[in-house]
Amino acid sequence: MEEEASPPGLGCSKPHLEKLTLGITRILESSPGVTEVTIIEKPPAERHMISSWEQMKKQRLKEFKEFGRHSGSCL
């Protein structure tokens, strides 16, 4: 399993990331035909980017916003 180090300011630890992904990397790595599993951490989307997407698509991302607020935007 290859995991990249967290970029400065993201604040996610590997154990926390493992809990968020529900251990899917281990399951995928043991699956036939899977040769590499990589997790790339990215900074969370900024609020204005989400609002802009909502306006463009005419959709509301209420659950996504709530999850981001409660998880500390650690995705």
PDB file of N, CA and C in Angstrom:
ATOM      1  N   MET A   1       0.856  -1.178   0.000  1.00  0.00           N
ATOM      2  CA  MET A   1       0.000   0.000   0.000  1.00  0.00           C
ATOM      3  C   MET A   1       0.892   1.227   0.000  1.00  0.00           C
ATOM      4  N   GLU A   2       0.596   2.157  -0.845  1.00  0.00           N
ATOM      5  CA  GLU A   2       1.384   3.367  -0.935  1.00  0.00           C
ATOM      6  C   GLU A   2       0.521   4.539  -0.503  1.00  0.00           C
ATOM      7  N   GLU A   3       0.938   5.219   0.543  1.00  0.00           N
ATOM      8  CA  GLU A   3       0.208   6.396   1.000  1.00  0.00           C
ATOM      9  C   GLU A   3       1.164   7.569   1.009  1.00  0.00           C
ATOM     10  N   GLU A   4       0.717   8.667   0.481  1.00  0.00           N
ATOM     11  CA  GLU A   4       1.543   9.856   0.459  1.00  0.00           C
ATOM     12  C   GLU A   4       1.390  10.603   1.771  1.00  0.00           C
ATOM     13  N   ALA A   5       2.430  11.312   2.148  1.00  0.00           N
ATOM     14  CA  ALA A   5       2.381  12.099   3.378  1.00  0.00           C
ATOM     15  C   ALA A   5       1.384  13.233   3.219  1.00  0.00           C
ATOM     16  N   SER A   6       0.788  13.617   4.322  1.00  0.00           N
ATOM     17  CA  SER A   6      -0.178  14.713   4.302  1.00  0.00           C
ATOM     18  C   SER A   6       0.517  16.016   3.967  1.00  0.00           C
ATOM     19  N   PRO A   7      -0.024  16.776   3.023  1.00  0.00           N
ATOM     20  CA  PRO A   7       0.520  18.098   2.773  1.00  0.00           C
ATOM     21  C   PRO A   7       0.354  18.964   4.014  1.00  0.00           C
ATOM     22  N   PRO A   8       1.243  19.928   4.212  1.00  0.00           N
ATOM     23  CA  PRO A   8       1.138  20.777   5.400  1.00  0.00           C
ATOM     24  C   PRO A   8      -0.230  21.435   5.488  1.00  0.00           C
ATOM     25  N   GLY A   9      -0.788  21.442   6.680  1.00  0.00           N
ATOM     26  CA  GLY A   9      -2.055  22.113   6.906  1.00  0.00           C
ATOM     27  C   GLY A   9      -3.276  21.228   6.804  1.00  0.00           C
ATOM     28  N   LEU A  10      -3.140  20.012   6.283  1.00  0.00           N
ATOM     29  CA  LEU A  10      -4.315  19.154   6.185  1.00  0.00           C
ATOM     30  C   LEU A  10      -4.634  18.513   7.517  1.00  0.00           C
ATOM     31  N   GLY A  11      -3.633  18.089   8.254  1.00  0.00           N
ATOM     32  CA  GLY A  11      -3.846  17.597   9.606  1.00  0.00           C
ATOM     33  C   GLY A  11      -4.482  16.230   9.725  1.00  0.00           C
ATOM     34  N   CYS A  12      -4.481  15.412   8.702  1.00  0.00           N
ATOM     35  CA  CYS A  12      -5.050  14.067   8.788  1.00  0.00           C
ATOM     36  C   CYS A  12      -3.938  13.078   9.089  1.00  0.00           C
ATOM     37  N   SER A  13      -4.187  12.207  10.033  1.00  0.00           N
ATOM     38  CA  SER A  13      -3.207  11.177  10.331  1.00  0.00           C
ATOM     39  C   SER A  13      -3.585   9.916   9.573  1.00  0.00           C
ATOM     40  N   LYS A  14      -2.619   9.027   9.368  1.00  0.00           N
ATOM     41  CA  LYS A  14      -2.897   7.789   8.643  1.00  0.00           C
ATOM     42  C   LYS A  14      -3.948   6.937   9.339  1.00  0.00           C
ATOM     43  N   PRO A  15      -3.903   6.774  10.677  1.00  0.00           N
ATOM     44  CA  PRO A  15      -4.975   5.986  11.316  1.00  0.00           C
ATOM     45  C   PRO A  15      -6.360   6.596  11.084  1.00  0.00           C
ATOM     46  N   HIS A  16      -6.449   7.920  11.131  1.00  0.00           N
ATOM     47  CA  HIS A  16      -7.727   8.595  10.894  1.00  0.00           C
ATOM     48  C   HIS A  16      -8.180   8.372   9.449  1.00  0.00           C
ATOM     49  N   LEU A  17      -7.242   8.458   8.530  1.00  0.00           N
ATOM     50  CA  LEU A  17      -7.557   8.238   7.122  1.00  0.00           C
ATOM     51  C   LEU A  17      -8.014   6.803   6.898  1.00  0.00           C
ATOM     52  N   GLU A  18      -7.391   5.848   7.565  1.00  0.00           N
ATOM     53  CA  GLU A  18      -7.783   4.440   7.449  1.00  0.00           C
ATOM     54  C   GLU A  18      -9.222   4.245   7.923  1.00  0.00           C
ATOM     55  N   LYS A  19      -9.602   4.941   8.992  1.00  0.00           N
ATOM     56  CA  LYS A  19     -10.982   4.842   9.482  1.00  0.00           C
ATOM     57  C   LYS A  19     -11.961   5.458   8.479  1.00  0.00           C
ATOM     58  N   LEU A  20     -11.586   6.581   7.897  1.00  0.00           N
ATOM     59  CA  LEU A  20     -12.466   7.244   6.932  1.00  0.00           C
ATOM     60  C   LEU A  20     -12.678   6.409   5.675  1.00  0.00           C
ATOM     61  N   THR A  21     -11.649   5.690   5.257  1.00  0.00           N
ATOM     62  CA  THR A  21     -11.766   4.880   4.040  1.00  0.00           C
ATOM     63  C   THR A  21     -12.275   3.480   4.333  1.00  0.00           C
ATOM     64  N   LEU A  22     -12.556   3.192   5.606  1.00  0.00           N
ATOM     65  CA  LEU A  22     -13.092   1.900   6.039  1.00  0.00           C
ATOM     66  C   LEU A  22     -12.188   0.731   5.655  1.00  0.00           C
ATOM     67  N   GLY A  23     -10.883   0.989   5.557  1.00  0.00           N
ATOM     68  CA  GLY A  23      -9.928  -0.074   5.256  1.00  0.00           C
ATOM     69  C   GLY A  23     -10.002  -0.595   3.836  1.00  0.00           C
ATOM     70  N   ILE A  24     -10.604   0.176   2.942  1.00  0.00           N
ATOM     71  CA  ILE A  24     -10.792  -0.286   1.561  1.00  0.00           C
ATOM     72  C   ILE A  24      -9.467  -0.555   0.863  1.00  0.00           C
ATOM     73  N   THR A  25      -8.393   0.141   1.256  1.00  0.00           N
ATOM     74  CA  THR A  25      -7.106  -0.096   0.598  1.00  0.00           C
ATOM     75  C   THR A  25      -6.630  -1.522   0.826  1.00  0.00           C
ATOM     76  N   ARG A  26      -6.805  -2.035   2.028  1.00  0.00           N
ATOM     77  CA  ARG A  26      -6.400  -3.418   2.311  1.00  0.00           C
ATOM     78  C   ARG A  26      -7.224  -4.407   1.497  1.00  0.00           C
ATOM     79  N   ILE A  27      -8.512  -4.151   1.397  1.00  0.00           N
ATOM     80  CA  ILE A  27      -9.393  -5.038   0.628  1.00  0.00           C
ATOM     81  C   ILE A  27      -9.001  -5.017  -0.848  1.00  0.00           C
ATOM     82  N   LEU A  28      -8.778  -3.825  -1.379  1.00  0.00           N
ATOM     83  CA  LEU A  28      -8.407  -3.716  -2.791  1.00  0.00           C
ATOM     84  C   LEU A  28      -7.070  -4.382  -3.074  1.00  0.00           C
ATOM     85  N   GLU A  29      -6.097  -4.184  -2.186  1.00  0.00           N
ATOM     86  CA  GLU A  29      -4.771  -4.763  -2.396  1.00  0.00           C
ATOM     87  C   GLU A  29      -4.799  -6.285  -2.414  1.00  0.00           C
ATOM     88  N   SER A  30      -5.731  -6.875  -1.701  1.00  0.00           N
ATOM     89  CA  SER A  30      -5.806  -8.334  -1.676  1.00  0.00           C
ATOM     90  C   SER A  30      -6.683  -8.892  -2.798  1.00  0.00           C
ATOM     91  N   SER A  31      -7.251  -8.018  -3.605  1.00  0.00           N
ATOM     92  CA  SER A  31      -8.109  -8.454  -4.714  1.00  0.00           C
ATOM     93  C   SER A  31      -7.264  -8.849  -5.924  1.00  0.00           C
ATOM     94  N   PRO A  32      -7.641  -9.927  -6.608  1.00  0.00           N
ATOM     95  CA  PRO A  32      -6.906 -10.332  -7.808  1.00  0.00           C
ATOM     96  C   PRO A  32      -6.986  -9.246  -8.883  1.00  0.00           C
ATOM     97  N   GLY A  33      -5.880  -9.009  -9.535  1.00  0.00           N
ATOM     98  CA  GLY A  33      -5.843  -8.038 -10.622  1.00  0.00           C
ATOM     99  C   GLY A  33      -5.513  -6.621 -10.188  1.00  0.00           C
ATOM    100  N   VAL A  34      -5.545  -6.344  -8.891  1.00  0.00           N
ATOM    101  CA  VAL A  34      -5.207  -5.007  -8.404  1.00  0.00           C
ATOM    102  C   VAL A  34      -3.706  -4.972  -8.149  1.00  0.00           C
ATOM    103  N   THR A  35      -3.018  -4.040  -8.800  1.00  0.00           N
ATOM    104  CA  THR A  35      -1.564  -3.988  -8.665  1.00  0.00           C
ATOM    105  C   THR A  35      -1.077  -2.852  -7.780  1.00  0.00           C
ATOM    106  N   GLU A  36      -1.854  -1.794  -7.665  1.00  0.00           N
ATOM    107  CA  GLU A  36      -1.400  -0.654  -6.865  1.00  0.00           C
ATOM    108  C   GLU A  36      -2.607   0.124  -6.350  1.00  0.00           C
ATOM    109  N   VAL A  37      -2.550   0.501  -5.082  1.00  0.00           N
ATOM    110  CA  VAL A  37      -3.591   1.324  -4.477  1.00  0.00           C
ATOM    111  C   VAL A  37      -2.900   2.554  -3.904  1.00  0.00           C
ATOM    112  N   THR A  38      -3.335   3.722  -4.320  1.00  0.00           N
ATOM    113  CA  THR A  38      -2.726   4.964  -3.857  1.00  0.00           C
ATOM    114  C   THR A  38      -3.802   5.883  -3.307  1.00  0.00           C
ATOM    115  N   ILE A  39      -3.559   6.418  -2.123  1.00  0.00           N
ATOM    116  CA  ILE A  39      -4.459   7.408  -1.537  1.00  0.00           C
ATOM    117  C   ILE A  39      -3.761   8.754  -1.625  1.00  0.00           C
ATOM    118  N   ILE A  40      -4.443   9.704  -2.203  1.00  0.00           N
ATOM    119  CA  ILE A  40      -3.894  11.048  -2.325  1.00  0.00           C
ATOM    120  C   ILE A  40      -4.782  11.988  -1.531  1.00  0.00           C
ATOM    121  N   GLU A  41      -4.201  12.635  -0.546  1.00  0.00           N
ATOM    122  CA  GLU A  41      -4.958  13.605   0.249  1.00  0.00           C
ATOM    123  C   GLU A  41      -4.912  14.954  -0.443  1.00  0.00           C
ATOM    124  N   LYS A  42      -6.047  15.594  -0.473  1.00  0.00           N
ATOM    125  CA  LYS A  42      -6.143  16.918  -1.068  1.00  0.00           C
ATOM    126  C   LYS A  42      -6.802  17.848  -0.066  1.00  0.00           C
ATOM    127  N   PRO A  43      -6.511  19.130  -0.160  1.00  0.00           N
ATOM    128  CA  PRO A  43      -7.173  20.071   0.750  1.00  0.00           C
ATOM    129  C   PRO A  43      -8.668  20.107   0.461  1.00  0.00           C
ATOM    130  N   PRO A  44      -9.473  20.407   1.463  1.00  0.00           N
ATOM    131  CA  PRO A  44     -10.925  20.460   1.254  1.00  0.00           C
ATOM    132  C   PRO A  44     -11.309  21.593   0.306  1.00  0.00           C
ATOM    133  N   ALA A  45     -12.445  21.424  -0.329  1.00  0.00           N
ATOM    134  CA  ALA A  45     -12.960  22.471  -1.210  1.00  0.00           C
ATOM    135  C   ALA A  45     -13.343  23.684  -0.370  1.00  0.00           C
ATOM    136  N   GLU A  46     -13.104  24.846  -0.915  1.00  0.00           N
ATOM    137  CA  GLU A  46     -13.474  26.072  -0.218  1.00  0.00           C
ATOM    138  C   GLU A  46     -14.969  26.308  -0.408  1.00  0.00           C
ATOM    139  N   ARG A  47     -15.569  26.984   0.561  1.00  0.00           N
ATOM    140  CA  ARG A  47     -17.022  27.196   0.540  1.00  0.00           C
ATOM    141  C   ARG A  47     -17.501  27.864  -0.751  1.00  0.00           C
ATOM    142  N   HIS A  48     -16.740  28.838  -1.245  1.00  0.00           N
ATOM    143  CA  HIS A  48     -17.186  29.528  -2.460  1.00  0.00           C
ATOM    144  C   HIS A  48     -17.176  28.590  -3.670  1.00  0.00           C
ATOM    145  N   MET A  49     -16.286  27.596  -3.681  1.00  0.00           N
ATOM    146  CA  MET A  49     -16.254  26.634  -4.781  1.00  0.00           C
ATOM    147  C   MET A  49     -17.499  25.745  -4.751  1.00  0.00           C
ATOM    148  N   ILE A  50     -17.912  25.347  -3.543  1.00  0.00           N
ATOM    149  CA  ILE A  50     -19.110  24.519  -3.401  1.00  0.00           C
ATOM    150  C   ILE A  50     -20.347  25.319  -3.792  1.00  0.00           C
ATOM    151  N   SER A  51     -20.430  26.559  -3.321  1.00  0.00           N
ATOM    152  CA  SER A  51     -21.577  27.416  -3.661  1.00  0.00           C
ATOM    153  C   SER A  51     -21.661  27.646  -5.163  1.00  0.00           C
ATOM    154  N   SER A  52     -20.527  27.847  -5.787  1.00  0.00           N
ATOM    155  CA  SER A  52     -20.480  28.060  -7.224  1.00  0.00           C
ATOM    156  C   SER A  52     -20.978  26.821  -7.972  1.00  0.00           C
ATOM    157  N   TRP A  53     -20.551  25.637  -7.521  1.00  0.00           N
ATOM    158  CA  TRP A  53     -20.996  24.382  -8.137  1.00  0.00           C
ATOM    159  C   TRP A  53     -22.500  24.214  -7.971  1.00  0.00           C
ATOM    160  N   GLU A  54     -23.001  24.514  -6.761  1.00  0.00           N
ATOM    161  CA  GLU A  54     -24.441  24.389  -6.492  1.00  0.00           C
ATOM    162  C   GLU A  54     -25.256  25.283  -7.419  1.00  0.00           C
ATOM    163  N   GLN A  55     -24.795  26.505  -7.631  1.00  0.00           N
ATOM    164  CA  GLN A  55     -25.520  27.433  -8.499  1.00  0.00           C
ATOM    165  C   GLN A  55     -25.487  26.968  -9.951  1.00  0.00           C
ATOM    166  N   MET A  56     -24.339  26.477 -10.385  1.00  0.00           N
ATOM    167  CA  MET A  56     -24.186  26.036 -11.764  1.00  0.00           C
ATOM    168  C   MET A  56     -25.038  24.789 -12.045  1.00  0.00           C
ATOM    169  N   LYS A  57     -25.072  23.840 -11.102  1.00  0.00           N
ATOM    170  CA  LYS A  57     -25.791  22.578 -11.305  1.00  0.00           C
ATOM    171  C   LYS A  57     -27.223  22.607 -10.775  1.00  0.00           C
ATOM    172  N   LYS A  58     -27.586  23.694 -10.106  1.00  0.00           N
ATOM    173  CA  LYS A  58     -28.905  23.817  -9.479  1.00  0.00           C
ATOM    174  C   LYS A  58     -29.170  22.654  -8.519  1.00  0.00           C
ATOM    175  N   GLN A  59     -28.162  22.319  -7.738  1.00  0.00           N
ATOM    176  CA  GLN A  59     -28.232  21.244  -6.745  1.00  0.00           C
ATOM    177  C   GLN A  59     -27.739  21.778  -5.405  1.00  0.00           C
ATOM    178  N   ARG A  60     -28.230  21.193  -4.311  1.00  0.00           N
ATOM    179  CA  ARG A  60     -27.778  21.564  -2.971  1.00  0.00           C
ATOM    180  C   ARG A  60     -26.968  20.405  -2.405  1.00  0.00           C
ATOM    181  N   LEU A  61     -25.854  20.688  -1.773  1.00  0.00           N
ATOM    182  CA  LEU A  61     -24.993  19.668  -1.187  1.00  0.00           C
ATOM    183  C   LEU A  61     -25.028  19.755   0.334  1.00  0.00           C
ATOM    184  N   LYS A  62     -26.237  19.776   0.895  1.00  0.00           N
ATOM    185  CA  LYS A  62     -26.391  19.943   2.336  1.00  0.00           C
ATOM    186  C   LYS A  62     -25.639  18.869   3.120  1.00  0.00           C
ATOM    187  N   GLU A  63     -25.802  17.587   2.744  1.00  0.00           N
ATOM    188  CA  GLU A  63     -25.161  16.495   3.471  1.00  0.00           C
ATOM    189  C   GLU A  63     -23.645  16.600   3.385  1.00  0.00           C
ATOM    190  N   PHE A  64     -23.132  16.969   2.219  1.00  0.00           N
ATOM    191  CA  PHE A  64     -21.698  17.117   2.030  1.00  0.00           C
ATOM    192  C   PHE A  64     -21.144  18.216   2.934  1.00  0.00           C
ATOM    193  N   LYS A  65     -21.865  19.328   3.008  1.00  0.00           N
ATOM    194  CA  LYS A  65     -21.427  20.434   3.858  1.00  0.00           C
ATOM    195  C   LYS A  65     -21.428  20.023   5.324  1.00  0.00           C
ATOM    196  N   GLU A  66     -22.469  19.313   5.748  1.00  0.00           N
ATOM    197  CA  GLU A  66     -22.548  18.852   7.138  1.00  0.00           C
ATOM    198  C   GLU A  66     -21.403  17.897   7.452  1.00  0.00           C
ATOM    199  N   PHE A  67     -21.118  16.964   6.546  1.00  0.00           N
ATOM    200  CA  PHE A  67     -20.031  16.018   6.760  1.00  0.00           C
ATOM    201  C   PHE A  67     -18.701  16.757   6.880  1.00  0.00           C
ATOM    202  N   GLY A  68     -18.472  17.704   6.006  1.00  0.00           N
ATOM    203  CA  GLY A  68     -17.232  18.475   6.045  1.00  0.00           C
ATOM    204  C   GLY A  68     -17.078  19.245   7.340  1.00  0.00           C
ATOM    205  N   ARG A  69     -18.182  19.771   7.834  1.00  0.00           N
ATOM    206  CA  ARG A  69     -18.131  20.539   9.072  1.00  0.00           C
ATOM    207  C   ARG A  69     -17.844  19.632  10.266  1.00  0.00           C
ATOM    208  N   HIS A  70     -18.454  18.448  10.286  1.00  0.00           N
ATOM    209  CA  HIS A  70     -18.284  17.546  11.427  1.00  0.00           C
ATOM    210  C   HIS A  70     -16.986  16.753  11.375  1.00  0.00           C
ATOM    211  N   SER A  71     -16.444  16.520  10.180  1.00  0.00           N
ATOM    212  CA  SER A  71     -15.208  15.746  10.071  1.00  0.00           C
ATOM    213  C   SER A  71     -13.984  16.640  10.112  1.00  0.00           C
ATOM    214  N   GLY A  72     -14.181  17.929  10.204  1.00  0.00           N
ATOM    215  CA  GLY A  72     -13.050  18.852  10.178  1.00  0.00           C
ATOM    216  C   GLY A  72     -12.482  18.990   8.773  1.00  0.00           C
ATOM    217  N   SER A  73     -13.287  18.643   7.761  1.00  0.00           N
ATOM    218  CA  SER A  73     -12.890  18.723   6.353  1.00  0.00           C
ATOM    219  C   SER A  73     -11.614  17.948   6.089  1.00  0.00           C
ATOM    220  N   CYS A  74     -11.498  16.797   6.674  1.00  0.00           N
ATOM    221  CA  CYS A  74     -10.294  15.988   6.536  1.00  0.00           C
ATOM    222  C   CYS A  74     -10.477  14.969   5.422  1.00  0.00           C
ATOM    223  N   LEU A  75     -10.651  15.459   4.158  1.00  0.00           N
ATOM    224  CA  LEU A  75     -10.771  14.565   3.016  1.00  0.00           C
ATOM    225  C   LEU A  75      -9.996  15.096   1.859  1.00  0.00           C
TER     226      LEU A  75
END
